[in-house]
Amino acid sequence: MKVISGFWTYPFLLTAILLIGVGKLPAFADDTVQEGNVKAVQLGRVTVLGPIKCPTGATQGANCTSVSVTCPNIPALTAVLSEAVPAGTARGTIILNNGGGGTTFLNSGFADTYFNDGFRVVQLAWKTDWEDTGGVGLKRASCRGATLYRYLFYTVHHGDRTTGFCAQGSSGGGAAITFALAQYGLSNYFDYVVIAAGPGISRMDYACDSSLYTGPPLDLCPLIPNAPYAFPNGTKVNTWENTTTCAVTPALQSDIDKWMADSIVTTGANFSYPQTAMSWYFCATPPVNNSTGGGKFLIDQVHPKSTPDVNCYSGVCQGESVWQDPTAFSDTHNAMLAQCVPNHQ
């Protein structure tokens, strides 16, 4: 086994050992690099376990590798990484993150499409839900994704600043990406990110107890002028956060404090991303999913490279599955081609 990156806090001395694969071998290799100009939560360690048969949904011609991610104060978690590298010079790297617990590959037609466009395509699938830590909480759990993203920047993307390093995620996958930006300094790495359906956990306190939000209607887009945000069921949040009263009245103040502290939008988070562009995609077909309002809470906080574009679609898609709509798929694809470009030069 190869241990990839040790525990670090900012700032620290920049050091790296990169052992890059050749030909069609995966480029997953040693990475002990971080940057020292952002205050962020402590990241973790990646250990390469070895090659593995690719699960369903992998990009055409991909090679897959099993890795273990260890972060401070939470259990280690295994993931499968799929890497597809186009012939010739790649125009950039795109990481695809599926929703829910991220235990299957996000494809939805994007993986092969981006690969044929000339991008390296990386998909990740966790062995079990990335959010589960035995009750430690989502902020700590999101170290897992953030650690992998940074690792992929230096191994698969080779630390290149002349091509785009980008990510796309739906629901829980979008939460992993935006946690990495807000808490772990990944705006130093990502040039462009695409978020669909949420993240619903942007303000867990409001979603668990809707009476806590006293602001105006959440005007997400013309198709969703009053976006819902309340969780219909609190079981998952109570499990993640070791609380008992999410979606229960009255909520315990200690639970409210925990949800607030572990949300993406929370005190101390960073929302200034001057070199990272962002796009959002939502399904507006009734009944509208609560992830729409959750996404709005975050959209109102972030300051990316340019005003984040928010796109809503109705009629074909259902729930969180906005990319069921062919127009949404096409718009997302075109936006990725236009905006997955180097912004950190």
Protein backbone atom coordinates (compact mmCIF):
# COMPACT_ATOMS: atom_id res chain seq x y z
CA MET A 1 0.00 0.00 0.00
CA LYS A 2 1.11 3.57 -0.66
CA VAL A 3 0.33 6.28 1.85
CA ILE A 4 -0.48 9.39 -0.12
CA SER A 5 -0.88 12.44 2.05
CA GLY A 6 -0.42 12.98 5.76
CA PHE A 7 -2.42 15.19 8.09
CA TRP A 8 -1.57 18.88 7.62
CA THR A 9 -2.76 22.25 8.74
CA TYR A 10 -2.24 25.57 6.95
CA PRO A 11 0.33 27.00 6.50
CA PHE A 12 3.08 24.44 5.87
CA LEU A 13 6.08 23.82 3.65
CA LEU A 14 5.08 22.78 0.12
CA THR A 15 6.47 19.33 -0.63
CA ALA A 16 5.53 16.70 -3.14
CA ILE A 17 6.39 13.28 -4.44
CA LEU A 18 4.51 12.41 -7.62
CA LEU A 19 4.79 8.93 -9.09
CA ILE A 20 2.73 9.20 -12.26
CA GLY A 21 1.49 6.18 -14.19
CA VAL A 22 2.40 5.62 -17.82
CA GLY A 23 0.31 4.80 -20.86
CA LYS A 24 -3.11 3.59 -19.80
CA LEU A 25 -2.15 2.87 -16.21
CA PRO A 26 -4.03 4.98 -13.66
CA ALA A 27 -2.20 8.10 -12.56
CA PHE A 28 -3.17 7.67 -8.91
CA ALA A 29 0.06 8.15 -7.02
CA ASP A 30 1.81 9.79 -4.10
CA ASP A 31 0.68 13.29 -3.11
CA THR A 32 1.80 15.21 -0.05
CA VAL A 33 1.04 18.68 -1.36
CA GLN A 34 -1.03 21.49 0.05
CA GLU A 35 -0.97 25.23 -0.36
CA GLY A 36 -0.34 27.66 2.45
CA ASN A 37 -2.40 30.75 1.64
CA VAL A 38 -5.84 29.72 2.91
CA LYS A 39 -6.97 29.00 6.45
CA ALA A 40 -8.84 25.73 6.26
CA VAL A 41 -9.94 22.74 8.30
CA GLN A 42 -7.37 19.96 8.53
CA LEU A 43 -7.29 17.57 5.58
CA GLY A 44 -6.49 13.87 5.55
CA ARG A 45 -4.55 11.03 3.98
CA VAL A 46 -5.12 8.88 0.89
CA THR A 47 -3.75 5.34 0.71
CA VAL A 48 -3.73 3.49 -2.62
CA LEU A 49 -4.97 -0.08 -2.10
CA GLY A 50 -4.55 -1.25 -5.70
CA PRO A 51 -6.33 -1.74 -9.04
CA ILE A 52 -9.92 -2.97 -9.03
CA LYS A 53 -12.58 -3.91 -11.58
CA CYS A 54 -14.58 -0.84 -12.53
CA PRO A 55 -18.18 -0.74 -11.24
CA THR A 56 -21.18 -0.11 -13.46
CA GLY A 57 -21.30 3.36 -14.98
CA ALA A 58 -17.58 3.91 -15.47
CA THR A 59 -16.36 6.05 -18.36
CA GLN A 60 -15.37 4.19 -21.53
CA GLY A 61 -11.83 2.85 -21.34
CA ALA A 62 -11.44 3.81 -17.68
CA ASN A 63 -9.12 2.19 -15.17
CA CYS A 64 -10.24 1.90 -11.55
CA THR A 65 -8.30 2.02 -8.31
CA SER A 66 -9.32 1.31 -4.73
CA VAL A 67 -8.18 3.90 -2.17
CA SER A 68 -8.66 4.48 1.52
CA VAL A 69 -9.22 7.99 2.87
CA THR A 70 -8.35 8.74 6.49
CA CYS A 71 -9.33 12.06 8.07
CA PRO A 72 -8.87 13.38 11.61
CA ASN A 73 -11.33 12.11 14.24
CA ILE A 74 -13.50 10.00 11.91
CA PRO A 75 -13.23 6.41 10.62
CA ALA A 76 -11.31 5.68 7.42
CA LEU A 77 -13.46 5.08 4.34
CA THR A 78 -12.69 3.19 1.13
CA ALA A 79 -13.58 4.53 -2.31
CA VAL A 80 -13.24 3.44 -5.93
CA LEU A 81 -11.75 6.00 -8.31
CA SER A 82 -12.26 5.70 -12.06
CA GLU A 83 -9.89 7.53 -14.39
CA ALA A 84 -10.29 7.87 -18.14
CA VAL A 85 -7.56 9.72 -20.04
CA PRO A 86 -8.11 10.84 -23.65
CA ALA A 87 -5.52 10.44 -26.39
CA GLY A 88 -3.24 13.40 -26.89
CA THR A 89 -3.18 16.46 -24.65
CA ALA A 90 -6.15 16.63 -22.29
CA ARG A 91 -8.06 19.92 -22.17
CA GLY A 92 -8.57 19.55 -18.40
CA THR A 93 -9.91 17.27 -15.66
CA ILE A 94 -13.54 16.83 -14.57
CA ILE A 95 -14.50 15.02 -11.36
CA LEU A 96 -18.03 13.58 -11.23
CA ASN A 97 -19.74 13.11 -7.84
CA ASN A 98 -23.04 11.29 -7.46
CA GLY A 99 -25.83 12.20 -5.06
CA GLY A 100 -26.96 10.61 -1.82
CA GLY A 101 -24.04 8.96 -0.06
CA GLY A 102 -21.98 8.90 -3.27
CA THR A 103 -21.78 5.08 -3.35
CA THR A 104 -22.25 4.82 -7.13
CA PHE A 105 -20.65 6.60 -10.07
CA LEU A 106 -22.25 9.72 -11.49
CA ASN A 107 -22.61 9.22 -15.21
CA SER A 108 -26.00 10.40 -16.58
CA GLY A 109 -24.37 10.50 -20.01
CA PHE A 110 -21.79 13.10 -18.95
CA ALA A 111 -18.82 10.77 -18.40
CA ASP A 112 -18.39 9.59 -21.99
CA THR A 113 -19.45 12.99 -23.35
CA TYR A 114 -16.74 14.85 -21.45
CA PHE A 115 -14.21 12.15 -22.29
CA ASN A 116 -15.00 12.49 -26.00
CA ASP A 117 -14.61 16.26 -25.60
CA GLY A 118 -10.99 15.64 -24.62
CA PHE A 119 -11.19 15.88 -20.81
CA ARG A 120 -9.76 13.50 -18.26
CA VAL A 121 -12.80 12.14 -16.42
CA VAL A 122 -12.63 10.94 -12.81
CA GLN A 123 -15.58 9.31 -11.05
CA LEU A 124 -15.66 8.35 -7.39
CA ALA A 125 -17.82 5.92 -5.45
CA TRP A 126 -17.57 5.43 -1.70
CA LYS A 127 -17.95 1.97 -0.13
CA THR A 128 -20.56 3.38 2.26
CA ASP A 129 -22.18 6.82 2.55
CA TRP A 130 -19.52 9.50 2.88
CA GLU A 131 -21.73 11.42 5.33
CA ASP A 132 -21.70 8.65 7.96
CA THR A 133 -19.08 9.08 10.69
CA GLY A 134 -20.84 7.52 13.67
CA GLY A 135 -22.38 10.87 14.59
CA VAL A 136 -19.31 13.12 14.42
CA GLY A 137 -21.01 15.31 11.83
CA LEU A 138 -20.98 16.46 8.23
CA LYS A 139 -18.25 19.09 8.49
CA ARG A 140 -15.75 16.45 9.54
CA ALA A 141 -17.20 13.90 7.10
CA SER A 142 -16.64 16.29 4.19
CA CYS A 143 -12.90 16.08 4.80
CA ARG A 144 -13.10 12.82 2.85
CA GLY A 145 -14.16 14.39 -0.42
CA ALA A 146 -11.93 17.44 0.02
CA THR A 147 -8.89 15.22 0.62
CA LEU A 148 -9.60 13.23 -2.54
CA TYR A 149 -10.12 16.34 -4.67
CA ARG A 150 -6.79 17.83 -3.66
CA TYR A 151 -5.10 14.46 -4.18
CA LEU A 152 -6.57 14.21 -7.70
CA PHE A 153 -5.36 17.72 -8.53
CA TYR A 154 -1.76 16.65 -7.98
CA THR A 155 -1.91 13.11 -9.35
CA VAL A 156 -4.42 12.91 -12.20
CA HIS A 157 -4.33 16.63 -13.08
CA HIS A 158 -0.57 16.80 -12.40
CA GLY A 159 -0.93 20.16 -10.62
CA ASP A 160 -1.42 21.79 -14.02
CA ARG A 161 -2.51 25.46 -14.04
CA THR A 162 -2.78 25.70 -17.84
CA THR A 163 -5.97 23.59 -18.14
CA GLY A 164 -9.19 23.53 -16.16
CA PHE A 165 -9.65 21.51 -12.97
CA CYS A 166 -13.40 21.13 -12.48
CA ALA A 167 -16.08 19.17 -10.64
CA GLN A 168 -19.75 18.33 -11.10
CA GLY A 169 -22.04 16.94 -8.43
CA SER A 170 -25.70 16.33 -7.75
CA SER A 171 -27.37 16.59 -4.33
CA GLY A 172 -24.98 14.93 -1.86
CA GLY A 173 -22.21 15.13 -4.45
CA GLY A 174 -22.78 18.87 -4.73
CA ALA A 175 -22.66 19.08 -0.94
CA ALA A 176 -19.26 17.37 -0.91
CA ILE A 177 -17.92 19.87 -3.46
CA THR A 178 -19.30 22.97 -1.73
CA PHE A 179 -18.16 21.80 1.71
CA ALA A 180 -14.67 21.46 0.19
CA LEU A 181 -14.85 25.05 -1.03
CA ALA A 182 -16.31 26.51 2.15
CA GLN A 183 -14.28 24.63 4.76
CA TYR A 184 -11.17 23.11 3.17
CA GLY A 185 -9.69 25.72 0.83
CA LEU A 186 -10.48 23.89 -2.43
CA SER A 187 -11.24 27.18 -4.20
CA ASN A 188 -7.44 27.26 -4.53
CA TYR A 189 -7.81 24.26 -6.86
CA PHE A 190 -11.17 24.18 -8.63
CA ASP A 191 -11.58 26.41 -11.69
CA TYR A 192 -15.27 25.62 -12.20
CA VAL A 193 -17.93 23.61 -10.37
CA VAL A 194 -21.42 22.52 -11.38
CA ILE A 195 -24.00 21.83 -8.67
CA ALA A 196 -27.41 20.21 -9.21
CA ALA A 197 -30.25 19.86 -6.71
CA GLY A 198 -29.09 21.67 -3.64
CA PRO A 199 -27.21 21.23 -1.52
CA GLY A 200 -30.16 20.56 0.76
CA ILE A 201 -27.85 20.67 3.80
CA SER A 202 -26.73 24.26 3.25
CA ARG A 203 -28.69 25.23 6.40
CA MET A 204 -29.57 22.10 8.32
CA ASP A 205 -30.99 24.13 11.19
CA TYR A 206 -33.61 25.72 8.91
CA ALA A 207 -34.30 22.44 7.11
CA CYS A 208 -34.77 20.52 10.38
CA ASP A 209 -36.92 23.24 12.00
CA SER A 210 -38.49 25.40 9.31
CA SER A 211 -39.79 27.90 11.89
CA LEU A 212 -36.23 29.12 12.46
CA TYR A 213 -36.14 30.79 9.05
CA THR A 214 -38.00 34.10 9.18
CA GLY A 215 -36.75 35.71 5.97
CA PRO A 216 -38.59 36.38 2.71
CA PRO A 217 -39.66 33.65 0.26
CA LEU A 218 -36.67 31.94 -1.32
CA ASP A 219 -36.86 33.26 -4.87
CA LEU A 220 -34.59 30.78 -6.63
CA CYS A 221 -35.65 31.38 -10.24
CA PRO A 222 -38.80 32.43 -12.15
CA LEU A 223 -40.07 28.84 -12.11
CA ILE A 224 -39.46 28.51 -8.33
CA PRO A 225 -40.26 31.88 -6.67
CA ASN A 226 -40.84 30.30 -3.24
CA ALA A 227 -38.46 27.36 -2.94
CA PRO A 228 -39.18 24.79 -0.21
CA TYR A 229 -36.35 23.99 2.19
CA ALA A 230 -37.71 21.81 5.03
CA PHE A 231 -36.63 18.18 5.34
CA PRO A 232 -39.63 15.84 5.05
CA ASN A 233 -37.87 13.41 7.37
CA GLY A 234 -35.04 13.93 9.83
CA THR A 235 -33.73 10.37 10.19
CA LYS A 236 -30.60 10.81 8.09
CA VAL A 237 -29.61 14.12 9.66
CA ASN A 238 -30.15 12.75 13.14
CA THR A 239 -27.86 9.84 12.26
CA TRP A 240 -25.16 12.04 10.71
CA GLU A 241 -25.22 14.61 13.49
CA ASN A 242 -26.00 12.42 16.52
CA THR A 243 -29.15 14.45 17.19
CA THR A 244 -32.74 13.38 17.84
CA THR A 245 -35.12 16.18 16.90
CA CYS A 246 -34.61 17.00 13.18
CA ALA A 247 -38.11 17.40 11.69
CA VAL A 248 -39.55 16.99 15.19
CA THR A 249 -41.35 19.75 17.12
CA PRO A 250 -40.00 21.17 19.32
CA ALA A 251 -36.36 20.85 18.34
CA LEU A 252 -33.79 20.76 21.12
CA GLN A 253 -31.57 23.85 21.27
CA SER A 254 -28.48 21.63 21.50
CA ASP A 255 -29.53 19.94 18.26
CA ILE A 256 -30.15 23.29 16.57
CA ASP A 257 -26.67 24.45 17.58
CA LYS A 258 -25.14 21.27 16.14
CA TRP A 259 -27.01 21.57 12.82
CA MET A 260 -26.05 25.21 12.49
CA ALA A 261 -22.38 24.54 13.21
CA ASP A 262 -22.20 21.63 10.75
CA SER A 263 -24.05 23.28 7.85
CA ILE A 264 -22.27 24.47 4.72
CA VAL A 265 -23.47 28.00 5.44
CA THR A 266 -22.08 28.56 8.93
CA THR A 267 -19.90 30.93 10.91
CA GLY A 268 -16.27 30.82 9.82
CA ALA A 269 -16.88 29.30 6.39
CA ASN A 270 -15.24 30.86 3.33
CA PHE A 271 -17.53 31.98 0.49
CA SER A 272 -15.11 34.09 -1.53
CA TYR A 273 -13.97 32.20 -4.64
CA PRO A 274 -12.55 34.82 -7.04
CA GLN A 275 -10.89 32.18 -9.26
CA THR A 276 -13.67 29.58 -9.23
CA ALA A 277 -16.78 29.84 -11.42
CA MET A 278 -20.05 28.19 -10.32
CA SER A 279 -23.30 27.05 -11.98
CA TRP A 280 -26.49 25.58 -10.47
CA TYR A 281 -29.20 23.39 -12.03
CA PHE A 282 -32.62 22.58 -10.52
CA CYS A 283 -35.75 20.68 -11.45
CA ALA A 284 -38.91 22.79 -11.11
CA THR A 285 -41.49 20.14 -12.01
CA PRO A 286 -44.05 19.95 -9.16
CA PRO A 287 -43.79 18.82 -6.47
CA VAL A 288 -40.60 20.82 -6.10
CA ASN A 289 -37.90 19.17 -3.99
CA ASN A 290 -36.66 20.80 -0.77
CA SER A 291 -33.11 20.81 -2.15
CA THR A 292 -34.10 23.91 -4.14
CA GLY A 293 -34.44 26.07 -1.06
CA GLY A 294 -31.32 24.55 0.43
CA GLY A 295 -29.41 25.55 -2.66
CA LYS A 296 -30.75 29.09 -2.46
CA PHE A 297 -29.33 29.55 1.04
CA LEU A 298 -25.85 28.83 -0.34
CA ILE A 299 -26.25 30.73 -3.62
CA ASP A 300 -27.02 33.87 -1.62
CA GLN A 301 -23.72 33.56 0.25
CA VAL A 302 -21.12 32.69 -2.36
CA HIS A 303 -18.95 35.17 -4.25
CA PRO A 304 -17.37 33.20 -7.11
CA LYS A 305 -15.46 34.43 -10.15
CA SER A 306 -18.68 35.77 -11.65
CA THR A 307 -22.32 35.82 -10.56
CA PRO A 308 -23.37 32.16 -10.33
CA ASP A 309 -25.84 31.22 -13.04
CA VAL A 310 -28.97 29.47 -11.75
CA ASN A 311 -30.91 27.30 -14.19
CA CYS A 312 -34.36 25.76 -13.64
CA TYR A 313 -36.28 23.28 -15.81
CA SER A 314 -39.82 21.94 -15.67
CA GLY A 315 -41.90 19.28 -17.37
CA VAL A 316 -39.51 16.38 -18.02
CA CYS A 317 -37.40 16.07 -14.87
CA GLN A 318 -38.64 14.90 -11.48
CA GLY A 319 -37.38 15.57 -7.95
CA GLU A 320 -33.64 16.09 -7.88
CA SER A 321 -33.05 14.50 -11.30
CA VAL A 322 -32.73 17.69 -13.33
CA TRP A 323 -30.49 16.05 -15.93
CA GLN A 324 -33.39 13.87 -17.05
CA ASP A 325 -34.30 16.94 -19.08
CA PRO A 326 -32.37 16.92 -22.41
CA THR A 327 -32.19 20.71 -22.40
CA ALA A 328 -30.69 20.72 -18.91
CA PHE A 329 -28.16 18.11 -20.01
CA SER A 330 -27.22 20.11 -23.11
CA ASP A 331 -26.98 23.39 -21.18
CA THR A 332 -24.76 21.78 -18.52
CA HIS A 333 -22.52 20.25 -21.17
CA ASN A 334 -22.12 23.55 -23.01
CA ALA A 335 -21.42 25.41 -19.78
CA MET A 336 -18.72 22.91 -18.84
CA LEU A 337 -17.06 23.30 -22.25
CA ALA A 338 -17.12 27.08 -21.91
CA GLN A 339 -16.12 27.42 -18.25
CA CYS A 340 -13.82 24.50 -17.42
CA VAL A 341 -10.82 26.65 -18.24
CA PRO A 342 -7.76 27.71 -16.23
CA ASN A 343 -8.63 30.50 -13.77
CA HIS A 344 -5.64 30.20 -11.43
CA GLN A 345 -2.84 31.30 -13.75
